[in-house]
């Protein structure tokens, strides 16, 4: 009898040991980013690491940067021969096919070359016999663009191409009027045939690639696949191609395939989904909108109102939408403009003076926090930065330091996706890590994007040097000194960030994004 008891005790001890080992095992995710911008690479890695997840990136030399495309063959070889074992993989197919996001808009690959790279993706599940979370992009249709992120001709004829694409979309829907048909012909005549042809041909190739990727998803080659619509509009080539791809995939479950608004947030959003599924959870999220237009807001750079796009991103994160805040694991607070008109954060009216609507929404957020709920804030009243009046009011309350996460960067859809992902992952973080990520986003999205960047932009415009916004060149050092001083001044102004030491840099040598390192 004693022997049996001893054996039982030993088995119990061994079981407990094995259980503890399993619980202690970190989730390992292979991550192939779009490029090396902080929002696509470093910030994703830092967020997942804070949630005790090990992110495995390919060597830096294979990832796209501001001045070179990525190396699809190098990444593929690394995946086949050198990548460590992992539990899941989050993969940008643009990196494996074109060499990154910018390369997807500027490449000159032949159809045959693209077919060869698509064949590689058919083999990906064999190479990585783990859950594959993949994401692609529909080529964007910006109203205008400068710098090296589009073909060179776009800086001069971009507005004409955009206008042409609006009419092309209407024509595809059978809604083009005779007057618009004449306008379309005039636009064609006024653009160089080779330049417009180059743009249209690349779009056709990229559409074919996405059609092939959908076929792969349908046949089970990916565990989950998302296509992101890059800078977009209700009438545009991006919208038209999204419609065609939606029709081709109408019978597919949203559990395995989605077309989403926005792109840069997808790396973190899908990583959060992989995390949730690995832990066997399906959290619930309640969207809480600011007074006014709220869910009916149509953001800049998007073809979908928030009432349509936010639920889609919740699904993409492996979560469900809650019917009420009381039943939600996370309250997603969305600071939307009262009139529903989204402007850029550099707009003259983005001043540090709160409105009655701002103060009302701060009170709503405080009430959710006082009720013991986790709140993640998407500050999307402006594009490319924070709402100064709202944030100044929020910083004067106790709510700011209690947030699970904060995001107000780039497009509305980018900020919402990050706010969902970081908010869902926050419970797995210790207080120090969560606070560090929160301060990082506040410094980037509020202090830099809505204040320091605007100040520098205004100065450059005064001296007719707007070109430096897109390529800082020799101005990088003095501009960096100026924005560091401005941001550190704001850091020391507010109690939650006071005492935080920062290091800023321009990873893509332009004003549009900054890398924020919060020092120990």
Protein backbone atom coordinates (compact mmCIF):
# COMPACT_ATOMS: atom_id res chain seq x y z
CA UNK A 1 0.00 0.00 0.00
CA UNK A 2 2.87 2.34 0.91
CA UNK A 3 4.56 1.61 -2.43
CA UNK A 4 1.36 2.47 -4.27
CA UNK A 5 1.14 5.75 -2.38
CA UNK A 6 4.76 6.55 -3.22
CA UNK A 7 4.18 5.77 -6.90
CA UNK A 8 1.04 7.92 -6.91
CA UNK A 9 2.92 10.79 -5.27
CA UNK A 10 5.74 10.50 -7.81
CA UNK A 11 3.28 10.50 -10.72
CA UNK A 12 1.52 13.53 -9.25
CA UNK A 13 4.82 15.39 -8.82
CA UNK A 14 5.86 14.54 -12.38
CA UNK A 15 2.48 15.71 -13.71
CA UNK A 16 2.79 19.01 -11.86
CA UNK A 17 6.33 19.47 -13.16
CA UNK A 18 5.26 18.80 -16.74
CA UNK A 19 2.29 21.13 -16.34
CA UNK A 20 4.51 23.91 -15.01
CA UNK A 21 6.94 23.37 -17.90
CA UNK A 22 4.13 23.66 -20.45
CA UNK A 23 2.81 26.80 -18.77
CA UNK A 24 6.27 28.34 -18.69
CA UNK A 25 6.94 27.62 -22.36
CA UNK A 26 7.04 30.83 -24.36
CA UNK A 27 5.11 31.07 -27.59
CA UNK A 28 7.57 31.24 -30.51
CA UNK A 29 6.40 33.04 -33.65
CA UNK A 30 8.35 33.42 -36.88
CA UNK A 31 7.60 36.90 -38.19
CA UNK A 32 8.28 38.12 -41.74
CA UNK A 33 7.50 41.87 -41.74
CA UNK A 34 6.54 44.12 -44.65
CA UNK A 35 9.73 46.14 -44.13
CA UNK A 36 11.86 47.54 -41.32
CA UNK A 37 9.73 50.54 -40.35
CA UNK A 38 9.19 50.50 -36.57
CA UNK A 39 5.41 49.94 -36.85
CA UNK A 40 6.05 46.89 -39.03
CA UNK A 41 9.06 45.41 -37.23
CA UNK A 42 10.48 46.80 -33.96
CA UNK A 43 7.18 47.86 -32.37
CA UNK A 44 5.61 44.50 -33.23
CA UNK A 45 8.54 42.65 -31.70
CA UNK A 46 8.53 44.84 -28.57
CA UNK A 47 4.76 44.41 -28.05
CA UNK A 48 4.86 40.64 -28.42
CA UNK A 49 7.97 40.32 -26.25
CA UNK A 50 6.18 42.35 -23.55
CA UNK A 51 3.43 39.69 -23.66
CA UNK A 52 6.10 37.00 -23.08
CA UNK A 53 6.16 35.86 -26.68
CA UNK A 54 9.37 35.17 -28.61
CA UNK A 55 9.40 36.80 -32.05
CA UNK A 56 11.83 35.31 -34.58
CA UNK A 57 12.76 37.68 -37.42
CA UNK A 58 14.85 36.87 -40.50
CA UNK A 59 18.29 38.54 -40.73
CA UNK A 60 18.04 42.32 -41.21
CA UNK A 61 19.86 42.14 -44.56
CA UNK A 62 16.84 40.37 -46.09
CA UNK A 63 14.24 42.93 -44.93
CA UNK A 64 13.28 45.99 -47.00
CA UNK A 65 14.57 49.37 -45.82
CA UNK A 66 14.09 52.97 -46.98
CA UNK A 67 16.75 52.64 -49.68
CA UNK A 68 16.61 48.99 -50.76
CA UNK A 69 14.06 46.28 -51.45
CA UNK A 70 14.00 43.13 -49.40
CA UNK A 71 15.45 39.84 -50.62
CA UNK A 72 12.66 37.28 -51.23
CA UNK A 73 15.14 34.52 -52.15
CA UNK A 74 17.20 35.22 -49.03
CA UNK A 75 14.13 35.04 -46.78
CA UNK A 76 12.95 31.87 -48.48
CA UNK A 77 16.35 30.19 -48.06
CA UNK A 78 16.42 31.24 -44.39
CA UNK A 79 12.94 29.75 -43.86
CA UNK A 80 14.00 26.47 -45.47
CA UNK A 81 17.39 25.99 -43.85
CA UNK A 82 18.03 28.25 -40.86
CA UNK A 83 14.79 29.38 -39.25
CA UNK A 84 14.42 28.06 -35.68
CA UNK A 85 11.46 25.89 -34.75
CA UNK A 86 8.34 27.84 -33.89
CA UNK A 87 4.70 27.41 -32.91
CA UNK A 88 3.30 29.68 -35.62
CA UNK A 89 4.37 32.06 -38.39
CA UNK A 90 3.05 35.49 -39.33
CA UNK A 91 4.15 36.20 -42.89
CA UNK A 92 3.97 39.20 -45.21
CA UNK A 93 3.53 37.64 -48.64
CA UNK A 94 4.60 40.97 -50.17
CA UNK A 95 8.06 40.39 -48.67
CA UNK A 96 8.25 36.86 -50.10
CA UNK A 97 6.95 37.87 -53.54
CA UNK A 98 8.05 41.46 -54.22
CA UNK A 99 10.59 42.29 -51.52
CA UNK A 100 8.36 44.51 -49.36
CA UNK A 101 5.51 47.02 -49.49
CA UNK A 102 7.24 49.71 -51.55
CA UNK A 103 8.55 47.04 -53.95
CA UNK A 104 4.97 45.86 -54.50
CA UNK A 105 4.21 49.34 -55.93
CA UNK A 106 7.42 49.83 -57.91
CA UNK A 107 8.65 46.39 -59.09
CA UNK A 108 9.29 45.41 -62.69
CA UNK A 109 8.98 41.66 -62.27
CA UNK A 110 7.64 39.70 -65.19
CA UNK A 111 4.55 37.53 -64.84
CA UNK A 112 6.82 34.48 -65.08
CA UNK A 113 9.00 35.68 -62.18
CA UNK A 114 5.92 36.27 -60.05
CA UNK A 115 4.57 32.82 -60.92
CA UNK A 116 7.80 31.26 -59.66
CA UNK A 117 7.55 33.11 -56.34
CA UNK A 118 3.89 32.22 -55.94
CA UNK A 119 4.91 28.54 -56.40
CA UNK A 120 7.23 28.97 -53.39
CA UNK A 121 4.22 29.98 -51.32
CA UNK A 122 2.41 26.80 -52.32
CA UNK A 123 5.32 24.98 -50.64
CA UNK A 124 5.31 27.16 -47.52
CA UNK A 125 3.08 24.85 -45.49
CA UNK A 126 5.48 21.97 -46.21
CA UNK A 127 8.49 24.08 -45.21
CA UNK A 128 6.73 25.33 -42.07
CA UNK A 129 4.29 22.65 -40.86
CA UNK A 130 2.81 25.06 -38.31
CA UNK A 131 -0.10 27.50 -38.29
CA UNK A 132 0.50 30.11 -41.01
CA UNK A 133 -1.02 33.57 -40.60
CA UNK A 134 -0.35 35.42 -43.84
CA UNK A 135 -1.21 38.86 -45.15
CA UNK A 136 -1.00 40.55 -48.54
CA UNK A 137 -1.86 44.03 -49.85
CA UNK A 138 -3.95 45.54 -52.59
CA UNK A 139 -1.79 48.19 -54.25
CA UNK A 140 -2.72 51.61 -52.92
CA UNK A 141 -4.20 54.52 -54.89
CA UNK A 142 -2.95 57.71 -53.20
CA UNK A 143 -4.32 61.10 -54.20
CA UNK A 144 -0.71 62.24 -54.41
CA UNK A 145 2.68 60.95 -53.29
CA UNK A 146 6.24 62.21 -53.07
CA UNK A 147 9.49 60.48 -52.24
CA UNK A 148 10.67 57.03 -53.23
CA UNK A 149 7.58 55.05 -52.23
CA UNK A 150 5.91 55.15 -55.67
CA UNK A 151 7.23 55.11 -59.27
CA UNK A 152 9.06 58.37 -59.99
CA UNK A 153 6.31 59.67 -62.29
CA UNK A 154 3.72 59.58 -59.49
CA UNK A 155 5.10 62.75 -57.91
CA UNK A 156 4.03 64.71 -61.00
CA UNK A 157 0.99 62.85 -62.39
CA UNK A 158 -0.26 61.17 -59.20
CA UNK A 159 -3.37 63.41 -58.89
CA UNK A 160 -4.29 62.66 -62.51
CA UNK A 161 -3.83 58.91 -61.96
CA UNK A 162 -6.04 59.09 -58.88
CA UNK A 163 -8.77 60.98 -60.79
CA UNK A 164 -8.51 58.44 -63.60
CA UNK A 165 -8.83 55.55 -61.12
CA UNK A 166 -12.03 57.06 -59.65
CA UNK A 167 -13.60 57.03 -63.10
CA UNK A 168 -12.23 53.56 -63.83
CA UNK A 169 -13.98 52.30 -60.71
CA UNK A 170 -17.27 53.95 -61.74
CA UNK A 171 -16.94 52.50 -65.23
CA UNK A 172 -16.43 49.02 -63.80
CA UNK A 173 -19.70 49.44 -61.87
CA UNK A 174 -21.54 50.66 -64.98
CA UNK A 175 -22.14 54.09 -63.43
CA UNK A 176 -19.97 56.29 -65.67
CA UNK A 177 -21.87 59.24 -67.19
CA UNK A 178 -21.16 60.49 -70.76
CA UNK A 179 -19.48 63.60 -69.34
CA UNK A 180 -17.26 61.45 -67.11
CA UNK A 181 -16.36 59.22 -70.06
CA UNK A 182 -15.09 62.32 -71.89
CA UNK A 183 -13.15 63.40 -68.80
CA UNK A 184 -11.59 59.93 -68.59
CA UNK A 185 -10.47 60.14 -72.22
CA UNK A 186 -8.98 63.59 -71.60
CA UNK A 187 -7.03 62.31 -68.59
CA UNK A 188 -5.69 59.43 -70.68
CA UNK A 189 -4.55 61.79 -73.44
CA UNK A 190 -2.80 64.11 -70.99
CA UNK A 191 -0.72 61.37 -69.38
CA UNK A 192 2.19 59.61 -71.02
CA UNK A 193 0.96 56.28 -72.33
CA UNK A 194 4.05 54.47 -71.00
CA UNK A 195 3.61 55.83 -67.47
CA UNK A 196 -0.11 55.09 -67.16
CA UNK A 197 0.48 51.72 -68.83
CA UNK A 198 3.24 50.88 -66.36
CA UNK A 199 0.94 51.64 -63.40
CA UNK A 200 -2.01 49.68 -64.80
CA UNK A 201 0.14 46.69 -65.76
CA UNK A 202 1.62 46.46 -62.26
CA UNK A 203 -1.84 46.60 -60.75
CA UNK A 204 -2.98 43.77 -63.03
CA UNK A 205 -0.02 41.61 -61.94
CA UNK A 206 -0.62 42.31 -58.27
CA UNK A 207 -4.34 41.53 -58.63
CA UNK A 208 -3.43 38.18 -60.18
CA UNK A 209 -1.08 37.42 -57.26
CA UNK A 210 -3.87 38.13 -54.76
CA UNK A 211 -6.26 35.91 -56.71
CA UNK A 212 -3.70 33.08 -56.49
CA UNK A 213 -3.24 33.67 -52.76
CA UNK A 214 -7.00 33.43 -52.23
CA UNK A 215 -6.95 30.09 -54.07
CA UNK A 216 -4.25 28.91 -51.66
CA UNK A 217 -6.28 30.04 -48.67
CA UNK A 218 -9.33 28.24 -50.04
CA UNK A 219 -7.34 25.01 -50.37
CA UNK A 220 -6.05 25.22 -46.79
CA UNK A 221 -2.48 26.30 -47.49
CA UNK A 222 -2.83 29.02 -44.83
CA UNK A 223 -4.45 28.81 -41.42
CA UNK A 224 -5.59 32.43 -41.86
CA UNK A 225 -5.10 34.93 -44.69
CA UNK A 226 -5.86 38.66 -44.80
CA UNK A 227 -5.60 41.14 -47.66
CA UNK A 228 -5.12 44.75 -46.58
CA UNK A 229 -6.33 47.67 -48.63
CA UNK A 230 -3.54 50.23 -48.57
CA UNK A 231 -4.30 54.00 -48.86
CA UNK A 232 -7.75 53.89 -50.35
CA UNK A 233 -10.88 55.87 -51.23
CA UNK A 234 -14.57 55.07 -51.87
CA UNK A 235 -13.85 55.40 -55.60
CA UNK A 236 -10.40 54.18 -56.62
CA UNK A 237 -8.55 51.27 -58.21
CA UNK A 238 -7.90 49.86 -54.74
CA UNK A 239 -11.64 49.87 -54.01
CA UNK A 240 -12.40 48.33 -57.41
CA UNK A 241 -9.90 45.50 -56.96
CA UNK A 242 -11.11 44.90 -53.41
CA UNK A 243 -14.63 44.48 -54.79
CA UNK A 244 -13.43 41.97 -57.40
CA UNK A 245 -11.55 39.95 -54.78
CA UNK A 246 -14.56 40.03 -52.45
CA UNK A 247 -16.77 38.60 -55.20
CA UNK A 248 -14.19 35.87 -55.88
CA UNK A 249 -14.16 34.87 -52.20
CA UNK A 250 -17.78 35.45 -51.15
CA UNK A 251 -18.18 31.86 -49.95
CA UNK A 252 -15.12 31.84 -47.68
CA UNK A 253 -15.41 32.01 -43.89
CA UNK A 254 -14.11 35.09 -42.08
CA UNK A 255 -12.39 32.65 -39.74
CA UNK A 256 -9.92 31.87 -42.52
CA UNK A 257 -9.97 34.87 -44.89
CA UNK A 258 -10.72 38.60 -44.75
CA UNK A 259 -10.21 41.76 -46.77
CA UNK A 260 -9.40 44.59 -44.33
CA UNK A 261 -8.90 48.34 -44.47
CA UNK A 262 -5.31 49.34 -43.74
CA UNK A 263 -2.02 47.47 -44.04
CA UNK A 264 0.70 48.55 -41.61
CA UNK A 265 -1.21 47.23 -38.57
CA UNK A 266 -1.61 43.71 -39.94
CA UNK A 267 1.69 42.30 -38.65
CA UNK A 268 0.75 43.02 -35.03
CA UNK A 269 -2.95 42.25 -35.51
CA UNK A 270 -2.22 38.76 -36.86
CA UNK A 271 0.42 38.18 -34.19
CA UNK A 272 -2.24 38.93 -31.58
CA UNK A 273 -4.57 36.46 -33.32
CA UNK A 274 -1.84 33.79 -33.24
CA UNK A 275 -1.33 34.51 -29.53
CA UNK A 276 -5.06 34.25 -28.73
CA UNK A 277 -5.46 31.00 -30.65
CA UNK A 278 -2.34 29.47 -29.11
CA UNK A 279 -3.79 30.19 -25.66
CA UNK A 280 -7.23 28.91 -26.62
CA UNK A 281 -9.03 32.19 -25.95
CA UNK A 282 -11.51 34.27 -27.96
CA UNK A 283 -11.74 37.62 -26.13
CA UNK A 284 -14.63 40.03 -26.55
CA UNK A 285 -14.32 43.73 -27.41
CA UNK A 286 -16.87 46.51 -27.00
CA UNK A 287 -16.38 49.58 -29.26
CA UNK A 288 -17.13 52.81 -27.35
CA UNK A 289 -17.39 55.85 -29.64
CA UNK A 290 -16.98 59.52 -28.81
CA UNK A 291 -20.09 61.75 -29.05
CA UNK A 292 -21.17 62.75 -32.55
CA UNK A 293 -20.75 60.88 -35.83
CA UNK A 294 -18.91 57.99 -34.11
CA UNK A 295 -19.38 54.74 -36.06
CA UNK A 296 -20.61 56.62 -39.15
CA UNK A 297 -17.23 58.34 -39.54
CA UNK A 298 -15.58 57.77 -42.94
CA UNK A 299 -11.83 58.08 -42.32
CA UNK A 300 -9.28 59.51 -44.71
CA UNK A 301 -7.46 56.86 -46.78
CA UNK A 302 -10.36 54.41 -46.44
CA UNK A 303 -13.44 53.26 -48.36
CA UNK A 304 -15.30 51.96 -45.27
CA UNK A 305 -17.04 53.65 -42.35
CA UNK A 306 -15.94 52.66 -38.86
CA UNK A 307 -19.17 50.75 -38.25
CA UNK A 308 -17.98 48.34 -40.96
CA UNK A 309 -14.18 48.35 -40.59
CA UNK A 310 -13.85 48.12 -36.77
CA UNK A 311 -15.82 44.84 -36.45
CA UNK A 312 -13.69 43.36 -39.23
CA UNK A 313 -10.47 44.13 -37.35
CA UNK A 314 -11.91 42.66 -34.16
CA UNK A 315 -12.51 39.40 -36.04
CA UNK A 316 -9.00 39.54 -37.54
CA UNK A 317 -7.50 39.67 -34.03
CA UNK A 318 -9.27 36.42 -33.17
CA UNK A 319 -11.83 38.22 -31.02
CA UNK A 320 -15.58 38.84 -31.06
CA UNK A 321 -17.61 42.01 -30.60
CA UNK A 322 -19.36 42.34 -27.25
CA UNK A 323 -22.93 43.66 -27.00
CA UNK A 324 -22.17 45.73 -23.89
CA UNK A 325 -19.09 46.92 -21.99
CA UNK A 326 -20.13 44.88 -18.94
CA UNK A 327 -19.59 41.64 -20.86
CA UNK A 328 -16.40 42.69 -22.68
CA UNK A 329 -12.81 41.69 -21.98
CA UNK A 330 -11.70 44.97 -23.56
CA UNK A 331 -13.40 48.31 -24.14
CA UNK A 332 -12.07 49.87 -27.35
CA UNK A 333 -12.51 53.63 -26.91
CA UNK A 334 -12.57 55.41 -30.27
CA UNK A 335 -12.01 59.17 -30.20
CA UNK A 336 -13.75 60.24 -33.42
CA UNK A 337 -14.39 63.80 -34.66
CA UNK A 338 -17.81 65.07 -33.59
CA UNK A 339 -18.70 66.11 -37.15
CA UNK A 340 -17.26 62.93 -38.71
CA UNK A 341 -14.71 64.88 -40.79
CA UNK A 342 -11.19 63.52 -40.29
CA UNK A 343 -8.30 65.92 -41.00
CA UNK A 344 -4.53 65.51 -40.80
CA UNK A 345 -2.96 66.05 -37.38
CA UNK A 346 -0.98 68.98 -38.80
CA UNK A 347 -4.27 70.89 -39.40
CA UNK A 348 -4.36 74.39 -37.90
CA UNK A 349 -7.34 73.55 -35.68
CA UNK A 350 -5.53 70.71 -33.86
CA UNK A 351 -4.85 72.86 -30.80
CA UNK A 352 -4.53 71.91 -27.09
CA UNK A 353 -7.99 73.19 -26.20
CA UNK A 354 -10.64 70.63 -25.37
CA UNK A 355 -14.23 70.78 -26.61
CA UNK A 356 -17.36 69.78 -24.64
CA UNK A 357 -17.39 66.55 -26.67
CA UNK A 358 -13.75 65.88 -25.66
CA UNK A 359 -14.55 66.38 -21.98
CA UNK A 360 -17.64 64.19 -22.24
CA UNK A 361 -15.66 61.34 -23.78
CA UNK A 362 -12.91 61.61 -21.16
CA UNK A 363 -15.63 61.24 -18.51
CA UNK A 364 -16.95 58.13 -20.30
CA UNK A 365 -13.47 56.59 -20.35
CA UNK A 366 -12.98 57.40 -16.66
CA UNK A 367 -16.29 55.69 -15.85
CA UNK A 368 -15.24 52.51 -17.69
CA UNK A 369 -11.92 52.43 -15.83
CA UNK A 370 -13.59 53.08 -12.47
CA UNK A 371 -15.86 50.10 -13.18
CA UNK A 372 -12.70 47.97 -13.38
CA UNK A 373 -12.71 47.49 -17.16
CA UNK A 374 -9.68 47.33 -19.43
CA UNK A 375 -9.70 50.24 -21.90
CA UNK A 376 -7.58 50.66 -25.05
CA UNK A 377 -7.81 54.05 -26.77
CA UNK A 378 -7.74 54.62 -30.54
CA UNK A 379 -7.25 58.37 -30.97
CA UNK A 380 -8.56 58.75 -34.53
CA UNK A 381 -10.10 62.22 -34.66
CA UNK A 382 -7.14 63.17 -36.88
CA UNK A 383 -4.99 61.14 -39.27
CA UNK A 384 -1.26 60.80 -38.66
CA UNK A 385 -1.34 61.88 -35.05
CA UNK A 386 -3.22 62.67 -31.85
CA UNK A 387 -6.07 65.05 -31.06
CA UNK A 388 -4.24 67.68 -29.00
CA UNK A 389 -7.33 69.08 -27.25
CA UNK A 390 -8.67 65.67 -26.29
CA UNK A 391 -5.30 64.36 -25.13
CA UNK A 392 -4.53 67.45 -23.05
CA UNK A 393 -7.88 66.94 -21.30
CA UNK A 394 -7.24 63.20 -20.83
CA UNK A 395 -3.76 63.86 -19.42
CA UNK A 396 -5.35 66.09 -16.78
CA UNK A 397 -7.34 63.14 -15.48
CA UNK A 398 -6.28 59.92 -13.80
CA UNK A 399 -7.39 57.91 -16.84
CA UNK A 400 -4.31 58.23 -19.04
CA UNK A 401 -1.99 56.14 -16.87
CA UNK A 402 -4.67 53.46 -16.45
CA UNK A 403 -5.15 52.75 -20.16
CA UNK A 404 -4.29 49.28 -21.41
CA UNK A 405 -2.95 50.87 -24.61
CA UNK A 406 -3.02 54.06 -26.69
CA UNK A 407 -2.67 54.55 -30.44
CA UNK A 408 -3.11 57.51 -32.78
CA UNK A 409 -0.63 56.95 -35.60
CA UNK A 410 -0.89 57.06 -39.40
CA UNK A 411 -4.31 56.11 -40.79
CA UNK A 412 -7.42 55.45 -38.72
CA UNK A 413 -7.36 51.75 -39.58
CA UNK A 414 -3.69 51.46 -38.60
CA UNK A 415 -4.36 53.02 -35.18
CA UNK A 416 -7.49 50.93 -34.57
CA UNK A 417 -5.67 47.69 -35.42
CA UNK A 418 -2.81 48.47 -33.05
CA UNK A 419 -5.21 49.57 -30.30
CA UNK A 420 -7.07 46.25 -30.57
CA UNK A 421 -3.88 44.16 -30.58
CA UNK A 422 -2.03 45.96 -27.79
CA UNK A 423 -5.21 46.18 -25.74
CA UNK A 424 -5.82 42.43 -25.99
CA UNK A 425 -2.21 41.60 -25.13
CA UNK A 426 -1.96 44.04 -22.20
CA UNK A 427 -3.23 41.56 -19.52
CA UNK A 428 -0.24 39.33 -20.30
CA UNK A 429 2.22 42.18 -19.64
CA UNK A 430 3.76 43.30 -16.38
CA UNK A 431 3.05 46.92 -15.36
CA UNK A 432 6.51 48.17 -16.36
CA UNK A 433 6.29 46.74 -19.89
CA UNK A 434 2.74 48.02 -20.39
CA UNK A 435 3.69 51.49 -19.16
CA UNK A 436 6.73 51.57 -21.44
CA UNK A 437 4.66 50.72 -24.53
CA UNK A 438 2.02 53.27 -23.54
CA UNK A 439 4.62 56.02 -23.15
CA UNK A 440 6.26 55.05 -26.44
CA UNK A 441 2.99 55.49 -28.32
CA UNK A 442 2.17 58.77 -26.56
CA UNK A 443 5.58 60.18 -27.42
CA UNK A 444 5.35 59.03 -31.05
CA UNK A 445 1.70 59.72 -31.87
CA UNK A 446 1.02 62.74 -29.66
CA UNK A 447 4.25 64.57 -28.89
CA UNK A 448 5.98 63.90 -32.19
CA UNK A 449 3.32 63.46 -34.87
CA UNK A 450 0.90 66.17 -33.72
CA UNK A 451 3.40 68.67 -32.35
CA UNK A 452 7.10 68.32 -33.16
CA UNK A 453 6.46 67.15 -36.73
CA UNK A 454 3.99 69.95 -37.34
CA UNK A 455 6.44 72.53 -36.01
CA UNK A 456 9.22 71.32 -38.32
CA UNK A 457 6.82 71.04 -41.27
CA UNK A 458 5.71 74.65 -40.81
CA UNK A 459 9.32 75.84 -40.75
CA UNK A 460 10.21 73.95 -43.90
CA UNK A 461 7.17 75.37 -45.70
CA UNK A 462 8.14 78.90 -44.67
CA UNK A 463 11.51 78.42 -46.36
CA UNK A 464 10.08 76.62 -49.43
CA UNK A 465 11.86 73.40 -48.49
CA UNK A 466 8.93 71.00 -48.40
CA UNK A 467 11.11 68.55 -50.33
CA UNK A 468 13.03 67.87 -47.11
CA UNK A 469 9.92 66.32 -45.56
CA UNK A 470 10.35 63.34 -47.88
CA UNK A 471 14.16 63.14 -47.87
CA UNK A 472 15.86 64.90 -44.97
CA UNK A 473 19.37 64.60 -46.41
CA UNK A 474 21.83 66.97 -44.71
CA UNK A 475 18.98 68.45 -42.65
CA UNK A 476 18.53 65.21 -40.71
CA UNK A 477 20.84 66.11 -37.79
CA UNK A 478 19.47 69.62 -37.03
CA UNK A 479 15.87 68.43 -37.50
CA UNK A 480 16.49 65.49 -35.16
CA UNK A 481 17.88 67.86 -32.53
CA UNK A 482 14.82 70.10 -32.87
CA UNK A 483 12.25 67.32 -32.59
CA UNK A 484 14.11 65.68 -29.69
CA UNK A 485 14.04 68.98 -27.77
CA UNK A 486 10.33 69.50 -28.57
CA UNK A 487 9.36 65.97 -27.58
CA UNK A 488 11.44 65.94 -24.38
CA UNK A 489 9.83 69.26 -23.38
CA UNK A 490 6.38 67.70 -23.74
CA UNK A 491 7.53 64.53 -21.96
CA UNK A 492 8.50 66.63 -18.95
CA UNK A 493 5.24 68.63 -19.06
CA UNK A 494 2.89 65.74 -18.26
CA UNK A 495 3.02 63.73 -15.04
CA UNK A 496 2.64 60.28 -16.67
CA UNK A 497 5.65 60.75 -18.97
CA UNK A 498 7.74 63.07 -16.80
CA UNK A 499 11.22 61.70 -16.19
CA UNK A 500 11.14 59.42 -19.25
CA UNK A 501 14.35 59.61 -21.26
CA UNK A 502 14.05 59.05 -24.99
CA UNK A 503 16.15 58.53 -28.07
CA UNK A 504 14.61 59.44 -31.43
CA UNK A 505 15.75 58.61 -34.94
CA UNK A 506 14.48 58.81 -38.52
CA UNK A 507 14.67 55.20 -39.79
CA UNK A 508 13.48 56.14 -43.30
CA UNK A 509 15.21 59.54 -43.41
CA UNK A 510 11.91 61.41 -43.73
CA UNK A 511 9.58 63.29 -41.39
CA UNK A 512 6.66 60.90 -41.74
CA UNK A 513 7.80 58.39 -39.12
CA UNK A 514 10.15 58.39 -36.16
CA UNK A 515 11.57 55.54 -34.11
CA UNK A 516 11.01 56.14 -30.39
CA UNK A 517 13.29 54.32 -27.97
CA UNK A 518 12.23 54.67 -24.34
CA UNK A 519 15.41 54.36 -22.30
CA UNK A 520 15.61 52.49 -19.00
